[in-house]
C-alpha atoms as a PDB file:
ATOM      1  CA  MET A   1      -6.033  17.869 -22.389  1.00  0.00           C
ATOM      2  CA  ALA A   2      -4.639  19.741 -19.449  1.00  0.00           C
ATOM      3  CA  ALA A   3      -2.705  17.267 -16.946  1.00  0.00           C
ATOM      4  CA  GLU A   4      -5.546  17.755 -14.233  1.00  0.00           C
ATOM      5  CA  ASP A   5      -8.096  16.501 -16.971  1.00  0.00           C
ATOM      6  CA  GLN A   6      -6.250  12.940 -17.347  1.00  0.00           C
ATOM      7  CA  ALA A   7      -7.413   9.743 -15.697  1.00  0.00           C
ATOM      8  CA  PRO A   8      -4.903   8.994 -13.266  1.00  0.00           C
ATOM      9  CA  ALA A   9      -2.259   6.254 -13.646  1.00  0.00           C
ATOM     10  CA  SER A  10      -2.884   2.654 -11.754  1.00  0.00           C
ATOM     11  CA  VAL A  11      -0.987  -0.586 -11.488  1.00  0.00           C
ATOM     12  CA  ASP A  12      -1.987  -3.852 -10.580  1.00  0.00           C
ATOM     13  CA  LEU A  13      -0.242  -5.678  -7.529  1.00  0.00           C
ATOM     14  CA  GLY A  14      -1.754  -9.213  -7.808  1.00  0.00           C
ATOM     15  CA  GLY A  15      -5.591  -8.086  -7.826  1.00  0.00           C
ATOM     16  CA  VAL A  16      -4.909  -4.880  -5.992  1.00  0.00           C
ATOM     17  CA  LYS A  17      -5.354  -1.768  -8.279  1.00  0.00           C
ATOM     18  CA  ILE A  18      -3.333   1.184  -6.860  1.00  0.00           C
ATOM     19  CA  THR A  19      -4.283   4.549  -8.322  1.00  0.00           C
ATOM     20  CA  PHE A  20      -2.121   7.446  -8.257  1.00  0.00           C
ATOM     21  CA  VAL A  21      -4.707  10.043  -7.774  1.00  0.00           C
ATOM     22  CA  HIS A  22      -2.058  12.787  -6.629  1.00  0.00           C
ATOM     23  CA  SER A  23       1.750  11.940  -7.548  1.00  0.00           C
ATOM     24  CA  ASP A  24       3.837  15.072  -7.619  1.00  0.00           C
ATOM     25  CA  PRO A  25       7.388  14.654  -6.156  1.00  0.00           C
ATOM     26  CA  ALA A  26       7.522  18.566  -5.628  1.00  0.00           C
ATOM     27  CA  SER A  27       4.302  18.449  -3.525  1.00  0.00           C
ATOM     28  CA  ALA A  28       4.367  17.597   0.305  1.00  0.00           C
ATOM     29  CA  TYR A  29       2.163  14.399  -0.134  1.00  0.00           C
ATOM     30  CA  SER A  30       1.125  11.865  -2.407  1.00  0.00           C
ATOM     31  CA  LEU A  31      -2.725  10.300  -2.746  1.00  0.00           C
ATOM     32  CA  MET A  32      -3.149   6.758  -3.682  1.00  0.00           C
ATOM     33  CA  GLU A  33      -6.506   4.917  -4.190  1.00  0.00           C
ATOM     34  CA  TRP A  34      -6.270   1.148  -3.001  1.00  0.00           C
ATOM     35  CA  ASP A  35      -9.081  -1.261  -4.355  1.00  0.00           C
ATOM     36  CA  ALA A  36      -8.660  -4.707  -2.666  1.00  0.00           C
ATOM     37  CA  PRO A  37     -10.873  -7.627  -3.929  1.00  0.00           C
ATOM     38  CA  ALA A  38     -11.908  -9.939  -0.916  1.00  0.00           C
ATOM     39  CA  GLY A  39      -9.512 -12.621   0.224  1.00  0.00           C
ATOM     40  CA  THR A  40      -6.646 -10.374  -1.114  1.00  0.00           C
ATOM     41  CA  ARG A  41      -3.165 -11.050   0.744  1.00  0.00           C
ATOM     42  CA  SER A  42      -1.704  -8.162   2.730  1.00  0.00           C
ATOM     43  CA  PRO A  43       1.338  -6.348   1.987  1.00  0.00           C
ATOM     44  CA  PRO A  44       4.325  -7.718   3.961  1.00  0.00           C
ATOM     45  CA  LEU A  45       4.567  -6.380   7.900  1.00  0.00           C
ATOM     46  CA  HIS A  46       6.895  -3.124   7.193  1.00  0.00           C
ATOM     47  CA  VAL A  47       8.066  -0.243   8.520  1.00  0.00           C
ATOM     48  CA  HIS A  48       8.817   3.344   6.718  1.00  0.00           C
ATOM     49  CA  HIS A  49      11.333   5.315   8.775  1.00  0.00           C
ATOM     50  CA  HIS A  50      10.977   8.499   7.157  1.00  0.00           C
ATOM     51  CA  ARG A  51       7.217   8.535   5.827  1.00  0.00           C
ATOM     52  CA  ASP A  52       3.917   8.983   7.501  1.00  0.00           C
ATOM     53  CA  GLU A  53       0.857   7.042   6.091  1.00  0.00           C
ATOM     54  CA  GLY A  54      -3.159   7.873   6.469  1.00  0.00           C
ATOM     55  CA  PHE A  55      -5.387   5.382   5.476  1.00  0.00           C
ATOM     56  CA  TYR A  56      -9.237   6.373   4.773  1.00  0.00           C
ATOM     57  CA  VAL A  57     -11.503   3.683   4.381  1.00  0.00           C
ATOM     58  CA  LEU A  58     -14.009   4.594   1.442  1.00  0.00           C
ATOM     59  CA  SER A  59     -15.910   1.418   1.391  1.00  0.00           C
ATOM     60  CA  GLY A  60     -15.608  -2.202   2.629  1.00  0.00           C
ATOM     61  CA  THR A  61     -13.700  -3.224   5.631  1.00  0.00           C
ATOM     62  CA  TYR A  62      -9.917  -3.274   6.121  1.00  0.00           C
ATOM     63  CA  ALA A  63      -8.070  -4.516   9.016  1.00  0.00           C
ATOM     64  CA  PHE A  64      -4.830  -3.103  10.176  1.00  0.00           C
ATOM     65  CA  LEU A  65      -1.833  -4.244  12.116  1.00  0.00           C
ATOM     66  CA  LEU A  66      -0.140  -1.486  13.660  1.00  0.00           C
ATOM     67  CA  ASP A  67       2.583  -2.204  16.618  1.00  0.00           C
ATOM     68  CA  GLY A  68       1.588  -5.695  16.759  1.00  0.00           C
ATOM     69  CA  VAL A  69      -2.306  -4.253  17.527  1.00  0.00           C
ATOM     70  CA  MET A  70      -5.073  -5.286  15.186  1.00  0.00           C
ATOM     71  CA  VAL A  71      -7.986  -3.216  14.300  1.00  0.00           C
ATOM     72  CA  GLU A  72     -10.847  -3.278  11.959  1.00  0.00           C
ATOM     73  CA  ALA A  73     -11.984   0.116   9.961  1.00  0.00           C
ATOM     74  CA  LYS A  74     -15.131   0.304   7.955  1.00  0.00           C
ATOM     75  CA  ALA A  75     -16.139   3.174   5.487  1.00  0.00           C
ATOM     76  CA  GLY A  76     -15.485   6.371   7.098  1.00  0.00           C
ATOM     77  CA  ALA A  77     -12.901   5.486   9.256  1.00  0.00           C
ATOM     78  CA  HIS A  78      -9.227   6.910   9.272  1.00  0.00           C
ATOM     79  CA  VAL A  79      -6.174   5.040  10.453  1.00  0.00           C
ATOM     80  CA  LEU A  80      -2.821   7.024  11.001  1.00  0.00           C
ATOM     81  CA  VAL A  81       0.376   5.261  10.356  1.00  0.00           C
ATOM     82  CA  PRO A  82       3.072   7.442  12.116  1.00  0.00           C
ATOM     83  CA  ARG A  83       6.692   6.926  10.619  1.00  0.00           C
ATOM     84  CA  GLY A  84       8.776   4.140  12.386  1.00  0.00           C
ATOM     85  CA  HIS A  85       6.058   1.660  13.342  1.00  0.00           C
ATOM     86  CA  PRO A  86       5.442  -1.770  11.896  1.00  0.00           C
ATOM     87  CA  HIS A  87       2.145  -2.331   9.903  1.00  0.00           C
ATOM     88  CA  THR A  88       0.341  -3.703   7.273  1.00  0.00           C
ATOM     89  CA  PHE A  89      -3.169  -4.082   6.223  1.00  0.00           C
ATOM     90  CA  TRP A  90      -6.051  -5.982   4.153  1.00  0.00           C
ATOM     91  CA  ASN A  91      -9.061  -6.106   3.060  1.00  0.00           C
ATOM     92  CA  ALA A  92     -10.974  -8.123   6.371  1.00  0.00           C
ATOM     93  CA  GLY A  93     -14.581  -8.459   4.485  1.00  0.00           C
ATOM     94  CA  GLY A  94     -16.084 -10.527   2.010  1.00  0.00           C
ATOM     95  CA  ASP A  95     -16.850  -8.054  -0.341  1.00  0.00           C
ATOM     96  CA  PRO A  96     -14.249  -5.751  -2.387  1.00  0.00           C
ATOM     97  CA  ALA A  97     -12.784  -2.764  -0.238  1.00  0.00           C
ATOM     98  CA  ARG A  98     -11.479   0.730  -1.234  1.00  0.00           C
ATOM     99  CA  CYS A  99      -9.359   3.071   0.423  1.00  0.00           C
ATOM    100  CA  LEU A 100      -7.489   6.313   0.077  1.00  0.00           C
ATOM    101  CA  ILE A 101      -3.674   6.686   1.430  1.00  0.00           C
ATOM    102  CA  VAL A 102      -1.886   9.604   1.994  1.00  0.00           C
ATOM    103  CA  THR A 103       1.969   9.723   2.383  1.00  0.00           C
ATOM    104  CA  VAL A 104       3.821  12.184   3.530  1.00  0.00           C
ATOM    105  CA  PRO A 105       6.591  12.631   1.874  1.00  0.00           C
ATOM    106  CA  PRO A 106       5.566  11.422  -1.156  1.00  0.00           C
ATOM    107  CA  GLY A 107       7.507   8.902  -2.925  1.00  0.00           C
ATOM    108  CA  LEU A 108       5.985   5.288  -2.840  1.00  0.00           C
ATOM    109  CA  GLU A 109       4.323   5.636  -6.271  1.00  0.00           C
ATOM    110  CA  GLY A 110       7.778   4.637  -7.868  1.00  0.00           C
ATOM    111  CA  TYR A 111       8.042   1.562  -5.167  1.00  0.00           C
ATOM    112  CA  PHE A 112       4.673   0.515  -6.622  1.00  0.00           C
ATOM    113  CA  ARG A 113       5.183   1.092 -10.328  1.00  0.00           C
ATOM    114  CA  GLU A 114       8.342  -1.138 -10.177  1.00  0.00           C
ATOM    115  CA  LEU A 115       7.110  -3.660  -7.497  1.00  0.00           C
ATOM    116  CA  ALA A 116       4.040  -4.369 -10.263  1.00  0.00           C
ATOM    117  CA  GLU A 117       6.689  -4.960 -12.892  1.00  0.00           C
ATOM    118  CA  ARG A 118       8.742  -7.267 -10.988  1.00  0.00           C
ATOM    119  CA  LEU A 119       5.845  -9.305  -9.469  1.00  0.00           C
ATOM    120  CA  THR A 120       4.618  -9.915 -13.060  1.00  0.00           C
ATOM    121  CA  GLY A 121       8.003 -12.081 -13.708  1.00  0.00           C
ATOM    122  CA  ALA A 122       7.973 -13.472 -10.406  1.00  0.00           C
ATOM    123  CA  GLU A 123       8.111 -17.494 -10.356  1.00  0.00           C
ATOM    124  CA  SER A 124       8.004 -17.950  -6.618  1.00  0.00           C
ATOM    125  CA  GLU A 125       6.902 -16.340  -3.225  1.00  0.00           C
ATOM    126  CA  GLU A 126      10.779 -16.380  -2.623  1.00  0.00           C
ATOM    127  CA  ALA A 127      11.063 -14.470  -5.954  1.00  0.00           C
ATOM    128  CA  ALA A 128       8.641 -12.180  -4.946  1.00  0.00           C
ATOM    129  CA  THR A 129      10.169 -11.166  -1.697  1.00  0.00           C
ATOM    130  CA  ARG A 130      13.508 -10.784  -3.212  1.00  0.00           C
ATOM    131  CA  ALA A 131      12.081  -8.319  -5.519  1.00  0.00           C
ATOM    132  CA  ARG A 132      10.106  -6.435  -2.401  1.00  0.00           C
ATOM    133  CA  GLN A 133      13.433  -6.510  -0.534  1.00  0.00           C
ATOM    134  CA  GLU A 134      15.774  -5.194  -3.394  1.00  0.00           C
ATOM    135  CA  LEU A 135      13.323  -2.405  -4.003  1.00  0.00           C
ATOM    136  CA  ALA A 136      12.621  -1.800  -0.258  1.00  0.00           C
ATOM    137  CA  ALA A 137      15.760   0.220   0.610  1.00  0.00           C
ATOM    138  CA  ARG A 138      15.268   2.753  -2.551  1.00  0.00           C
ATOM    139  CA  TYR A 139      11.779   3.745  -0.915  1.00  0.00           C
ATOM    140  CA  ASP A 140      11.878   4.043   2.735  1.00  0.00           C
ATOM    141  CA  THR A 141      10.527   0.702   3.512  1.00  0.00           C
ATOM    142  CA  GLU A 142      12.013  -2.126   5.728  1.00  0.00           C
ATOM    143  CA  LEU A 143      10.351  -5.358   5.486  1.00  0.00           C
ATOM    144  CA  VAL A 144       9.673  -7.364   8.632  1.00  0.00           C
ATOM    145  CA  LEU A 145      10.805 -10.642   8.066  1.00  0.00           C
ATOM    146  CA  PRO A 146       9.633 -13.760   7.834  1.00  0.00           C
ATOM    147  CA  ARG A 147       6.946 -12.765   5.649  1.00  0.00           C
ATOM    148  CA  GLN A 148       3.594 -13.328   7.561  1.00  0.00           C
ATOM    149  CA  THR A 149       0.548 -13.382   5.584  1.00  0.00           C
ATOM    150  CA  PHE A 150      -2.881 -11.530   6.771  1.00  0.00           C
ATOM    151  CA  PRO A 151      -5.724 -12.644   6.895  1.00  0.00           C
END
């Protein structure tokens, strides 16, 4: 079976399923699908200093906090997060929501894989925050602390 015929790998982050649609470190970008049940908490507010992220909402409604401004995005909407801008996002509706995330350059896949493993064993919110902080520096992610939870 050719690599392109295989199902993409995925991880679970506390109910959020992240599927690695296109994950090639030699490529100019990576593509992930982010499936979030209703009521799922946001990732911590964070900054990527060397990576741009584009979000395309496939279904449901996401809210994005970008540079302190919140915007809701429904299916068909695109939100661009340029490098260097604090941001987070979450399912803002009562139904499951799904979006595609393009990152340029690629490389966040490793962060999510390692984080999924570490969060499985995290015994507290403090342990989960420590895991995120320890991984963040290696993956161009600066957490804006203290952690704020959205919604």
